[in-house]
Amino acid sequence: MSERARVKTGKASLIGGIAVGIAVFVLWTAVAHELAADSVPVIGLGFLVAAGIATWIRVADL
């Protein structure tokens, strides 16, 4: 009994994480544009935030 149980991940969490990440990035860029703060560093930070949230959704669904 040395085998460890493996958690089987579904595609729903992967697709959901990607969809939420894209939505967060789109909203981030829209808000940055409305606030006239749509520079490369701000958009880059938005990408990092969106990637972090997408990863969190993917991992949290395990």
Protein backbone atom coordinates (compact mmCIF):
# COMPACT_ATOMS: atom_id res chain seq x y z
CA MET A 1 0.00 0.00 0.00
CA SER A 2 2.78 2.38 -0.79
CA GLU A 3 0.87 3.85 -3.72
CA ARG A 4 -0.52 7.30 -3.16
CA ALA A 5 -3.96 8.23 -4.32
CA ARG A 6 -3.88 10.61 -7.26
CA VAL A 7 -6.37 13.39 -7.67
CA LYS A 8 -7.81 13.41 -11.15
CA THR A 9 -8.20 16.93 -12.47
CA GLY A 10 -10.95 17.82 -14.87
CA LYS A 11 -10.89 20.00 -17.93
CA ALA A 12 -13.52 22.27 -16.43
CA SER A 13 -11.09 23.87 -13.99
CA LEU A 14 -8.54 24.40 -16.77
CA ILE A 15 -11.05 25.98 -19.12
CA GLY A 16 -12.61 27.98 -16.30
CA GLY A 17 -9.22 29.26 -15.16
CA ILE A 18 -8.31 30.34 -18.67
CA ALA A 19 -11.69 32.02 -19.21
CA VAL A 20 -11.50 33.91 -15.92
CA GLY A 21 -7.89 34.92 -16.63
CA ILE A 22 -8.87 36.35 -20.00
CA ALA A 23 -11.84 38.17 -18.47
CA VAL A 24 -9.69 39.66 -15.72
CA PHE A 25 -7.12 40.87 -18.26
CA VAL A 26 -9.79 42.43 -20.47
CA LEU A 27 -11.38 44.20 -17.51
CA TRP A 28 -7.96 45.36 -16.25
CA THR A 29 -7.08 46.90 -19.62
CA ALA A 30 -10.52 48.51 -19.91
CA VAL A 31 -10.23 50.13 -16.48
CA ALA A 32 -6.64 51.20 -17.17
CA HIS A 33 -7.76 52.78 -20.43
CA GLU A 34 -10.62 54.66 -18.74
CA LEU A 35 -8.23 55.95 -16.08
CA ALA A 36 -5.71 57.00 -18.77
CA ALA A 37 -3.14 54.70 -17.18
CA ASP A 38 -2.77 52.23 -20.02
CA SER A 39 1.00 52.17 -20.19
CA VAL A 40 3.12 49.08 -20.85
CA PRO A 41 4.00 48.51 -17.15
CA VAL A 42 0.36 48.76 -16.08
CA ILE A 43 -0.78 46.36 -18.80
CA GLY A 44 2.09 44.01 -17.86
CA LEU A 45 1.00 44.10 -14.25
CA GLY A 46 -2.54 43.32 -15.39
CA PHE A 47 -1.24 40.31 -17.28
CA LEU A 48 0.54 39.06 -14.16
CA VAL A 49 -2.56 39.56 -12.03
CA ALA A 50 -4.74 37.75 -14.58
CA ALA A 51 -2.27 34.86 -14.80
CA GLY A 52 -2.15 34.60 -11.03
CA ILE A 53 -5.93 34.52 -10.72
CA ALA A 54 -6.21 31.96 -13.52
CA THR A 55 -3.64 29.76 -11.81
CA TRP A 56 -5.41 30.14 -8.48
CA ILE A 57 -8.71 29.01 -10.02
CA ARG A 58 -7.00 26.01 -11.63
CA VAL A 59 -5.22 24.94 -8.43
CA ALA A 60 -8.11 25.71 -6.07
CA ASP A 61 -10.38 23.34 -7.98
CA LEU A 62 -8.19 20.36 -7.17
